[in-house]
Amino acid sequence: MTMSIEGLQAAQQKMADAGVAQTAIDVFSHYYGQLEDGVTGTIPEDTIEPYLDPTHLEDVKIDVAEAKQVFDKLAIINLNGGLGTSMGLDRAKSLLPVRDGKSFLDLIVEQVLAARRGTNSRLPLIFMNSFRTREDTLEVLSKYPDLPVGDLPLDFLQNKEPKLRADDLSPVSWDADPDLEWCPPGHGDIYTALQTSGLLQQLLDAGFKYASVSNSDNLGTVPSPVLAAWFASTGAPYAAELCRRTPADRKGGHLAVRKADGQLILRDTAQTPAEEMDYFTDEHRHPFFHTNNLWWDLEQLDAILKERDGVMGLPLIRNEKTVDPSDKTSTPVYQIESAMGAAIEVFDGATAIVVGRDRFLPVKATSDLFLIRSDAYALDERGALVQQVGAAPSISLDSGSYKLIHDFEARFPEGVPSLKEATSLDVQGDWTFGADVEIVGDAVLGTEGGEVPGGARVGTVSAG
């Protein structure tokens, strides 16, 4: 297939011209070869065993003095490349106001500053930005003069790569907006970017040995001395935080044991053959989901990157999109991606731990934002969101009226309703809410739409 040789050369040239690091070009070329060979990156059910016996955080006992020592060598790394395009945003999703006018970024910074005060540790906070989130993020962080630690930067940039035409694997051209010709290589790029930016070496030189890594749209990952001490005590190079799956968690990836060699691996939806999705979504068969909260031993990570010349060789994820995501008739493209959590299979002796649901509060849609803005949660002195109700109510909002953030905001001009007494809320039409509305029990608002007057109590309390 001669076109693809030309396609690869064109893509390599395009990356070099844009100043992308050679190691990142090598990683891209590694995946390009797989794409060309027709690798789709699927992991069939008959090649894996369910992972059933991880450690549980509630069973972990730690030595406080030891935890303090580990915490002094811990860096916090936050993935902040996401734009929230599914909610109609064109800037960093972490800039969205969450509570009391504070954004995800503000709350993450406050969590880290509170943990520093509580433990007297250095605890640097470093964001992995994309070329689209960097400027806005650094502007917010500049409000916090105490945030920087020593000479460590507040951020590093993830790499970028060309989107490839699905028909001939050549780099796509899009004159209407040439920025759309590029995409980030998925969060699996974090390993390459840590190395090519020089940050990994800086952290090691400054005496840091461990890193705790999570997504900036998850406010549950408050810095944890208990988890840090547990991780250090395992001697493992790498650990993933898991949560027990409920019927609502059918989308998240899960860990499994590869039959061929007994290695722990991560399987995402995109890696599951379509006809086997019922195995993937069965929360009894695969009882834990992967939160994308990770722990790394930086010394062992450095050794592996050096040994592999910066190419981690994570499993390929072939993401099928259109070049302009908002225009489904634009040119079909492949985005070559990899998942940060898939690195579990690169590390000999990698492990996992089951944590409470309080460490996983991601905001993927406006319904999630609705929940964490409501009185079902409160902020405590650690900057943590603490659930105020027995079980978080399930929220379903009509996608036509609430999917995009500006539409969502317009329908709650006085803030979101109280959920203290709610079990579920299903909004099927276009409703605008007044002040001090309370949702009680199971509430359904029909397709006719309208106004919910201020002070109204909506819903039913089932007898019993």
Protein backbone atom coordinates (compact mmCIF):
# COMPACT_ATOMS: atom_id res chain seq x y z
CA MET A 1 0.00 0.00 0.00
CA THR A 2 2.16 2.83 -1.33
CA MET A 3 -0.16 5.63 -0.24
CA SER A 4 0.35 4.82 3.40
CA ILE A 5 4.15 5.13 3.14
CA GLU A 6 3.56 8.57 1.68
CA GLY A 7 0.86 9.13 4.30
CA LEU A 8 3.23 8.29 7.15
CA GLN A 9 6.00 10.47 5.70
CA ALA A 10 3.57 13.37 5.26
CA ALA A 11 2.37 12.97 8.87
CA GLN A 12 5.94 12.76 10.23
CA GLN A 13 6.90 15.89 8.26
CA LYS A 14 3.81 17.75 9.46
CA MET A 15 4.66 16.93 13.09
CA ALA A 16 8.33 17.89 12.67
CA ASP A 17 7.34 21.21 11.04
CA ALA A 18 5.05 21.93 14.01
CA GLY A 19 7.92 21.36 16.46
CA VAL A 20 6.60 18.08 17.90
CA ALA A 21 9.33 16.16 19.81
CA GLN A 22 11.02 13.33 17.88
CA THR A 23 10.07 10.76 20.56
CA ALA A 24 6.40 11.69 20.11
CA ILE A 25 6.81 11.27 16.32
CA ASP A 26 8.34 7.81 16.96
CA VAL A 27 5.36 6.84 19.13
CA PHE A 28 2.94 8.05 16.43
CA SER A 29 4.87 6.06 13.78
CA HIS A 30 4.70 2.92 15.94
CA TYR A 31 0.89 3.17 16.03
CA TYR A 32 0.65 4.15 12.36
CA GLY A 33 2.25 0.81 11.46
CA GLN A 34 -0.37 -1.01 13.53
CA LEU A 35 -3.21 1.00 11.97
CA GLU A 36 -1.91 0.13 8.51
CA ASP A 37 -1.84 -3.57 9.43
CA GLY A 38 -5.53 -3.34 10.30
CA VAL A 39 -5.04 -3.54 14.07
CA THR A 40 -8.26 -2.36 15.68
CA GLY A 41 -7.09 -2.91 19.24
CA THR A 42 -9.90 -5.22 20.35
CA ILE A 43 -9.57 -7.59 23.33
CA PRO A 44 -12.00 -10.54 22.98
CA GLU A 45 -13.60 -12.00 26.12
CA ASP A 46 -12.10 -15.47 25.59
CA THR A 47 -8.56 -14.05 25.94
CA ILE A 48 -9.13 -12.71 29.48
CA GLU A 49 -10.25 -13.77 32.97
CA PRO A 50 -12.20 -11.38 35.23
CA TYR A 51 -10.11 -9.66 37.95
CA LEU A 52 -11.85 -10.53 41.21
CA ASP A 53 -9.48 -10.16 44.18
CA PRO A 54 -7.94 -6.68 44.45
CA THR A 55 -6.98 -5.09 47.80
CA HIS A 56 -9.66 -2.83 49.36
CA LEU A 57 -8.68 0.54 50.84
CA GLU A 58 -10.90 0.00 53.89
CA ASP A 59 -8.70 -2.99 54.88
CA VAL A 60 -5.44 -1.02 54.67
CA LYS A 61 -3.61 -0.15 57.90
CA ILE A 62 -0.76 2.35 57.71
CA ASP A 63 1.97 3.75 59.90
CA VAL A 64 1.51 7.54 60.22
CA ALA A 65 5.25 8.31 60.36
CA GLU A 66 5.78 6.24 57.22
CA ALA A 67 2.89 7.98 55.44
CA LYS A 68 4.50 11.34 56.20
CA GLN A 69 7.79 10.23 54.60
CA VAL A 70 6.05 9.00 51.47
CA PHE A 71 3.94 12.16 51.23
CA ASP A 72 7.13 14.23 51.18
CA LYS A 73 8.13 12.43 47.98
CA LEU A 74 4.74 12.65 46.25
CA ALA A 75 3.82 14.84 43.26
CA ILE A 76 0.23 15.40 42.14
CA ILE A 77 -0.30 15.32 38.36
CA ASN A 78 -3.59 16.35 36.83
CA LEU A 79 -4.76 15.70 33.25
CA ASN A 80 -6.20 18.95 31.98
CA GLY A 81 -6.26 18.63 28.20
CA GLY A 82 -10.04 18.10 27.91
CA LEU A 83 -12.20 20.76 26.27
CA GLY A 84 -15.68 19.66 27.29
CA THR A 85 -16.76 19.68 23.63
CA SER A 86 -19.64 17.30 24.41
CA MET A 87 -21.08 20.08 26.61
CA GLY A 88 -20.57 22.71 23.92
CA LEU A 89 -17.41 24.22 25.45
CA ASP A 90 -14.41 25.28 23.40
CA ARG A 91 -12.04 25.83 26.34
CA ALA A 92 -10.77 23.79 29.26
CA LYS A 93 -13.62 21.96 30.95
CA SER A 94 -11.88 22.56 34.29
CA LEU A 95 -12.73 26.29 34.05
CA LEU A 96 -16.44 25.55 34.58
CA PRO A 97 -17.83 26.95 37.84
CA VAL A 98 -18.70 24.07 40.20
CA ARG A 99 -19.66 25.63 43.55
CA ASP A 100 -19.60 29.09 45.17
CA GLY A 101 -18.24 30.51 41.90
CA LYS A 102 -15.19 28.24 42.13
CA SER A 103 -14.09 26.16 39.14
CA PHE A 104 -12.64 22.63 39.06
CA LEU A 105 -9.18 24.24 38.90
CA ASP A 106 -9.84 26.41 41.96
CA LEU A 107 -11.08 23.44 43.96
CA ILE A 108 -8.17 21.18 42.95
CA VAL A 109 -5.69 23.89 43.98
CA GLU A 110 -7.51 24.36 47.30
CA GLN A 111 -7.44 20.59 47.93
CA VAL A 112 -3.67 20.50 47.42
CA LEU A 113 -2.99 23.63 49.50
CA ALA A 114 -5.15 22.20 52.32
CA ALA A 115 -3.25 18.88 52.16
CA ARG A 116 0.07 20.77 52.34
CA ARG A 117 -1.08 22.63 55.44
CA GLY A 118 -2.39 19.43 57.03
CA THR A 119 0.76 17.36 56.42
CA ASN A 120 3.48 20.00 56.04
CA SER A 121 4.56 18.30 52.77
CA ARG A 122 5.85 19.88 49.54
CA LEU A 123 3.18 18.23 47.36
CA PRO A 124 3.69 19.95 43.98
CA LEU A 125 0.61 20.19 41.72
CA ILE A 126 1.36 19.94 37.99
CA PHE A 127 -1.14 19.99 35.13
CA MET A 128 -0.79 18.29 31.76
CA ASN A 129 -2.34 20.83 29.38
CA SER A 130 -3.07 20.65 25.68
CA PHE A 131 -2.22 23.47 23.28
CA ARG A 132 -5.84 24.60 23.70
CA THR A 133 -6.06 24.62 27.52
CA ARG A 134 -2.66 25.98 28.55
CA GLU A 135 -3.16 29.75 28.45
CA ASP A 136 -6.50 29.88 30.28
CA THR A 137 -5.29 27.40 32.91
CA LEU A 138 -2.07 29.26 33.73
CA GLU A 139 -4.08 32.47 34.05
CA VAL A 140 -6.28 30.88 36.76
CA LEU A 141 -3.25 29.37 38.54
CA SER A 142 -1.52 32.77 38.66
CA LYS A 143 -4.05 33.76 41.37
CA TYR A 144 -2.27 31.31 43.70
CA PRO A 145 1.23 32.67 44.47
CA ASP A 146 1.91 29.82 46.96
CA LEU A 147 1.24 27.08 44.42
CA PRO A 148 4.65 26.65 42.73
CA VAL A 149 7.19 24.35 44.45
CA GLY A 150 10.88 25.15 43.92
CA ASP A 151 11.78 25.35 40.23
CA LEU A 152 9.08 22.89 39.16
CA PRO A 153 6.72 24.20 36.48
CA LEU A 154 2.94 24.33 37.05
CA ASP A 155 2.29 22.52 33.79
CA PHE A 156 3.69 20.60 30.83
CA LEU A 157 2.18 20.17 27.38
CA GLN A 158 0.79 16.98 25.92
CA ASN A 159 1.88 16.27 22.35
CA LYS A 160 -0.24 16.70 19.26
CA GLU A 161 -0.55 14.62 16.13
CA PRO A 162 -2.37 14.83 12.79
CA LYS A 163 -5.82 13.31 12.32
CA LEU A 164 -5.63 10.75 9.47
CA ARG A 165 -8.11 10.39 6.62
CA ALA A 166 -9.96 7.09 7.10
CA ASP A 167 -9.73 6.30 3.36
CA ASP A 168 -5.95 6.51 2.78
CA LEU A 169 -4.38 7.26 6.19
CA SER A 170 -2.90 10.56 4.95
CA PRO A 171 -2.96 13.64 7.24
CA VAL A 172 -6.31 15.38 6.73
CA SER A 173 -6.48 18.96 5.40
CA TRP A 174 -9.20 21.26 6.69
CA ASP A 175 -8.89 24.81 5.43
CA ALA A 176 -11.97 26.06 7.29
CA ASP A 177 -10.09 25.60 10.59
CA PRO A 178 -6.56 24.15 10.30
CA ASP A 179 -6.52 23.68 14.11
CA LEU A 180 -9.00 20.83 13.55
CA GLU A 181 -6.36 18.93 11.55
CA TRP A 182 -4.67 18.10 14.88
CA CYS A 183 -5.69 16.01 17.87
CA PRO A 184 -4.10 14.97 21.16
CA PRO A 185 -2.86 11.33 21.22
CA GLY A 186 -5.16 10.32 24.09
CA HIS A 187 -4.00 10.49 27.71
CA GLY A 188 -1.61 7.57 27.14
CA ASP A 189 0.65 10.34 25.77
CA ILE A 190 1.36 11.43 29.35
CA TYR A 191 4.35 9.08 29.60
CA THR A 192 5.97 10.42 26.42
CA ALA A 193 5.16 14.04 27.35
CA LEU A 194 6.62 13.64 30.86
CA GLN A 195 9.86 12.48 29.30
CA THR A 196 10.08 14.85 26.32
CA SER A 197 9.19 17.90 28.44
CA GLY A 198 12.04 17.12 30.85
CA LEU A 199 9.57 17.13 33.77
CA LEU A 200 10.18 13.51 34.79
CA GLN A 201 13.90 14.22 35.21
CA GLN A 202 13.14 17.47 37.11
CA LEU A 203 10.91 15.60 39.56
CA LEU A 204 13.52 12.91 40.16
CA ASP A 205 16.26 15.53 40.62
CA ALA A 206 14.09 17.33 43.20
CA GLY A 207 13.73 14.12 45.24
CA PHE A 208 10.23 13.04 44.20
CA LYS A 209 9.68 9.30 43.92
CA TYR A 210 5.90 8.91 43.57
CA ALA A 211 3.10 10.50 41.59
CA SER A 212 -0.66 10.44 42.04
CA VAL A 213 -2.40 11.08 38.71
CA SER A 214 -6.03 11.85 37.90
CA ASN A 215 -8.36 13.79 35.59
CA SER A 216 -9.15 17.45 36.31
CA ASP A 217 -12.90 16.82 35.92
CA ASN A 218 -12.82 14.42 38.90
CA LEU A 219 -12.99 16.33 42.20
CA GLY A 220 -12.85 13.14 44.27
CA THR A 221 -9.07 12.65 44.23
CA VAL A 222 -8.17 14.57 47.38
CA PRO A 223 -4.47 13.93 48.16
CA SER A 224 -4.43 10.80 50.35
CA PRO A 225 -1.58 9.89 52.73
CA VAL A 226 -3.21 6.48 53.32
CA LEU A 227 -3.21 5.57 49.63
CA ALA A 228 0.31 6.95 49.20
CA ALA A 229 1.63 4.87 52.09
CA TRP A 230 -0.18 1.76 50.83
CA PHE A 231 1.30 2.23 47.35
CA ALA A 232 4.85 2.71 48.68
CA SER A 233 4.50 -0.39 50.88
CA THR A 234 3.62 -2.61 47.88
CA GLY A 235 6.88 -1.77 46.10
CA ALA A 236 4.80 -1.90 42.91
CA PRO A 237 5.85 0.29 39.97
CA TYR A 238 2.26 1.21 39.21
CA ALA A 239 -1.22 0.97 40.73
CA ALA A 240 -4.74 1.80 39.58
CA GLU A 241 -7.69 2.85 41.76
CA LEU A 242 -10.86 0.86 41.07
CA CYS A 243 -14.47 1.24 42.25
CA ARG A 244 -17.18 -1.39 42.57
CA ARG A 245 -19.46 -1.26 39.54
CA THR A 246 -23.19 -0.57 39.82
CA PRO A 247 -25.72 -0.94 36.98
CA ALA A 248 -25.04 2.76 36.20
CA ASP A 249 -21.34 2.12 35.50
CA ARG A 250 -21.60 0.12 32.35
CA LYS A 251 -19.40 2.38 30.26
CA GLY A 252 -16.16 2.60 32.26
CA GLY A 253 -13.20 0.40 31.40
CA HIS A 254 -12.31 -2.55 33.64
CA LEU A 255 -9.17 -4.49 34.53
CA ALA A 256 -8.83 -8.12 33.55
CA VAL A 257 -6.19 -10.85 33.66
CA ARG A 258 -4.76 -11.84 30.26
CA LYS A 259 -4.87 -15.64 29.99
CA ALA A 260 -1.72 -15.81 27.86
CA ASP A 261 0.63 -14.53 30.58
CA GLY A 262 -1.38 -13.70 33.72
CA GLN A 263 -0.72 -9.97 33.21
CA LEU A 264 -3.20 -7.36 34.49
CA ILE A 265 -4.58 -5.35 31.56
CA LEU A 266 -7.17 -2.60 31.03
CA ARG A 267 -10.07 -3.05 28.59
CA ASP A 268 -12.11 -0.04 27.45
CA THR A 269 -15.38 0.03 25.52
CA ALA A 270 -13.48 0.90 22.33
CA GLN A 271 -11.44 -2.33 22.76
CA THR A 272 -14.43 -4.64 23.15
CA PRO A 273 -15.80 -6.43 20.06
CA ALA A 274 -19.33 -5.08 19.39
CA GLU A 275 -20.95 -8.52 19.70
CA GLU A 276 -19.37 -9.00 23.16
CA MET A 277 -20.59 -5.79 24.80
CA ASP A 278 -22.96 -7.76 27.05
CA TYR A 279 -19.90 -9.33 28.76
CA PHE A 280 -18.27 -5.90 29.10
CA THR A 281 -21.33 -4.29 30.69
CA ASP A 282 -22.06 -7.18 33.10
CA GLU A 283 -21.18 -5.74 36.53
CA HIS A 284 -21.27 -9.22 38.09
CA ARG A 285 -18.79 -10.69 35.64
CA HIS A 286 -16.39 -7.71 35.81
CA PRO A 287 -17.23 -6.24 39.23
CA PHE A 288 -14.80 -3.28 39.37
CA PHE A 289 -14.32 -0.35 37.02
CA HIS A 290 -11.14 1.61 36.39
CA THR A 291 -11.30 5.21 37.70
CA ASN A 292 -8.27 6.60 35.81
CA ASN A 293 -6.74 7.54 39.17
CA LEU A 294 -3.20 6.15 39.03
CA TRP A 295 -0.11 5.85 41.24
CA TRP A 296 3.39 5.65 39.78
CA ASP A 297 6.86 4.95 41.05
CA LEU A 298 8.71 7.64 39.08
CA GLU A 299 12.09 5.84 39.27
CA GLN A 300 10.63 2.66 37.77
CA LEU A 301 8.71 4.67 35.15
CA ASP A 302 11.92 6.44 34.14
CA ALA A 303 13.73 3.10 33.79
CA ILE A 304 11.02 1.68 31.51
CA LEU A 305 10.92 4.79 29.30
CA LYS A 306 14.71 4.69 28.90
CA GLU A 307 14.67 0.98 28.13
CA ARG A 308 12.02 1.54 25.43
CA ASP A 309 13.43 4.79 23.97
CA GLY A 310 10.31 6.64 25.07
CA VAL A 311 7.91 4.30 23.21
CA MET A 312 5.76 2.65 25.89
CA GLY A 313 4.01 0.47 23.30
CA LEU A 314 0.56 0.84 24.85
CA PRO A 315 -2.32 -0.87 23.02
CA LEU A 316 -3.67 1.14 20.10
CA ILE A 317 -7.13 2.71 20.33
CA ARG A 318 -8.45 3.57 16.85
CA ASN A 319 -10.96 6.35 17.37
CA GLU A 320 -13.29 6.99 14.42
CA LYS A 321 -14.42 10.63 14.13
CA THR A 322 -15.10 13.35 11.58
CA VAL A 323 -12.47 16.09 11.16
CA ASP A 324 -14.94 18.68 12.47
CA PRO A 325 -16.62 16.86 15.38
CA SER A 326 -19.61 19.24 15.20
CA ASP A 327 -20.18 18.44 11.49
CA LYS A 328 -20.97 14.78 10.92
CA THR A 329 -20.73 15.27 7.11
CA SER A 330 -17.07 16.44 7.27
CA THR A 331 -14.21 14.11 6.26
CA PRO A 332 -14.12 10.80 8.22
CA VAL A 333 -10.83 10.48 10.14
CA TYR A 334 -9.01 8.15 12.50
CA GLN A 335 -7.46 9.53 15.66
CA ILE A 336 -4.67 7.31 16.96
CA GLU A 337 -5.00 7.17 20.73
CA SER A 338 -3.85 5.22 23.74
CA ALA A 339 -5.10 5.17 27.33
CA MET A 340 -2.94 6.15 30.29
CA GLY A 341 -4.38 3.25 32.32
CA ALA A 342 -3.36 0.70 29.69
CA ALA A 343 0.23 1.10 30.91
CA ILE A 344 -0.69 -1.37 33.65
CA GLU A 345 0.37 -4.13 31.23
CA VAL A 346 3.82 -2.61 30.66
CA PHE A 347 4.74 -2.73 34.35
CA ASP A 348 5.76 -6.04 35.84
CA GLY A 349 4.17 -6.30 39.28
CA ALA A 350 1.55 -3.59 38.69
CA THR A 351 -1.36 -3.71 41.11
CA ALA A 352 -4.74 -2.14 41.95
CA ILE A 353 -6.85 -1.11 44.93
CA VAL A 354 -10.60 -0.70 45.37
CA VAL A 355 -11.47 2.75 46.78
CA GLY A 356 -14.72 4.36 47.89
CA ARG A 357 -17.00 6.04 45.41
CA ASP A 358 -16.06 9.39 46.97
CA ARG A 359 -12.80 9.25 44.95
CA PHE A 360 -14.69 9.12 41.66
CA LEU A 361 -16.91 12.14 40.94
CA PRO A 362 -16.31 12.83 37.26
CA VAL A 363 -18.27 15.43 35.30
CA LYS A 364 -18.91 14.04 31.82
CA ALA A 365 -22.29 15.68 31.21
CA THR A 366 -24.46 18.52 32.54
CA SER A 367 -26.42 15.98 34.64
CA ASP A 368 -23.18 15.31 36.61
CA LEU A 369 -22.65 19.06 37.05
CA PHE A 370 -26.27 19.40 38.26
CA LEU A 371 -25.58 16.79 40.95
CA ILE A 372 -22.32 18.23 42.33
CA ARG A 373 -23.72 21.79 42.32
CA SER A 374 -26.69 20.64 44.39
CA ASP A 375 -27.09 20.24 48.16
CA ALA A 376 -26.55 16.48 47.73
CA TYR A 377 -22.88 17.49 48.19
CA ALA A 378 -21.03 19.95 50.44
CA LEU A 379 -17.40 21.11 50.50
CA ASP A 380 -15.43 20.26 53.64
CA GLU A 381 -12.27 21.83 55.06
CA ARG A 382 -10.08 19.62 52.81
CA GLY A 383 -11.78 21.10 49.74
CA ALA A 384 -13.39 17.69 49.22
CA LEU A 385 -16.94 17.22 47.95
CA VAL A 386 -18.73 15.17 50.58
CA GLN A 387 -22.01 13.41 49.81
CA GLN A 388 -24.77 14.65 52.14
CA VAL A 389 -27.36 12.01 51.23
CA GLY A 390 -27.44 8.22 51.56
CA ALA A 391 -27.39 7.54 47.83
CA ALA A 392 -26.83 10.11 45.12
CA PRO A 393 -30.10 10.56 43.19
CA SER A 394 -30.08 9.57 39.52
CA ILE A 395 -30.50 12.55 37.20
CA SER A 396 -31.71 12.42 33.60
CA LEU A 397 -31.98 15.70 31.65
CA ASP A 398 -33.52 16.09 28.19
CA SER A 399 -30.55 16.29 25.82
CA GLY A 400 -32.23 18.81 23.52
CA SER A 401 -32.60 21.43 26.26
CA TYR A 402 -29.78 20.69 28.73
CA LYS A 403 -26.87 18.98 26.94
CA LEU A 404 -24.97 22.20 26.12
CA ILE A 405 -23.70 24.25 29.02
CA HIS A 406 -25.20 27.62 28.01
CA ASP A 407 -28.65 26.01 27.56
CA PHE A 408 -28.24 24.26 30.92
CA GLU A 409 -27.25 27.48 32.75
CA ALA A 410 -30.19 29.41 31.22
CA ARG A 411 -32.69 26.92 32.69
CA PHE A 412 -31.40 27.28 36.26
CA PRO A 413 -31.07 31.08 36.59
CA GLU A 414 -31.42 30.83 40.41
CA GLY A 415 -29.25 27.73 40.80
CA VAL A 416 -30.13 24.03 40.80
CA PRO A 417 -32.97 22.62 42.94
CA SER A 418 -32.52 20.93 46.31
CA LEU A 419 -31.93 17.17 46.04
CA LYS A 420 -31.79 16.44 49.80
CA GLU A 421 -34.99 14.35 49.62
CA ALA A 422 -34.70 13.16 46.00
CA THR A 423 -34.30 9.62 44.69
CA SER A 424 -34.46 10.42 40.98
CA LEU A 425 -35.23 13.28 38.61
CA ASP A 426 -36.23 12.72 35.00
CA VAL A 427 -36.66 15.96 33.02
CA GLN A 428 -38.14 15.00 29.63
CA GLY A 429 -39.02 18.43 28.23
CA ASP A 430 -37.79 22.02 28.29
CA TRP A 431 -38.32 23.28 31.85
CA THR A 432 -36.93 26.41 33.51
CA PHE A 433 -36.57 26.33 37.28
CA GLY A 434 -37.31 29.11 39.77
CA ALA A 435 -35.52 29.68 43.07
CA ASP A 436 -35.61 27.21 45.99
CA VAL A 437 -37.26 24.34 44.11
CA GLU A 438 -37.14 21.01 45.99
CA ILE A 439 -37.11 17.60 44.31
CA VAL A 440 -38.72 14.92 46.47
CA GLY A 441 -38.64 11.14 45.94
CA ASP A 442 -39.00 10.25 42.27
CA ALA A 443 -39.79 13.26 40.11
CA VAL A 444 -40.74 13.31 36.44
CA LEU A 445 -41.24 16.52 34.45
CA GLY A 446 -43.00 15.74 31.17
CA THR A 447 -42.30 16.56 27.55
CA GLU A 448 -44.67 19.55 27.54
CA GLY A 449 -42.06 21.79 29.25
CA GLY A 450 -42.73 25.06 31.06
CA GLU A 451 -41.76 26.83 34.27
CA VAL A 452 -41.24 25.23 37.68
CA PRO A 453 -42.26 28.06 40.03
CA GLY A 454 -39.97 29.18 42.87
CA GLY A 455 -40.42 27.25 46.13
CA ALA A 456 -42.21 24.33 44.44
CA ARG A 457 -41.87 20.76 45.76
CA VAL A 458 -41.78 18.38 42.80
CA GLY A 459 -42.10 14.60 42.91
CA THR A 460 -43.68 11.72 44.73
CA VAL A 461 -42.76 10.02 47.93
CA SER A 462 -43.58 6.35 47.50
CA ALA A 463 -45.36 4.83 50.49
CA GLY A 464 -43.30 2.47 52.57
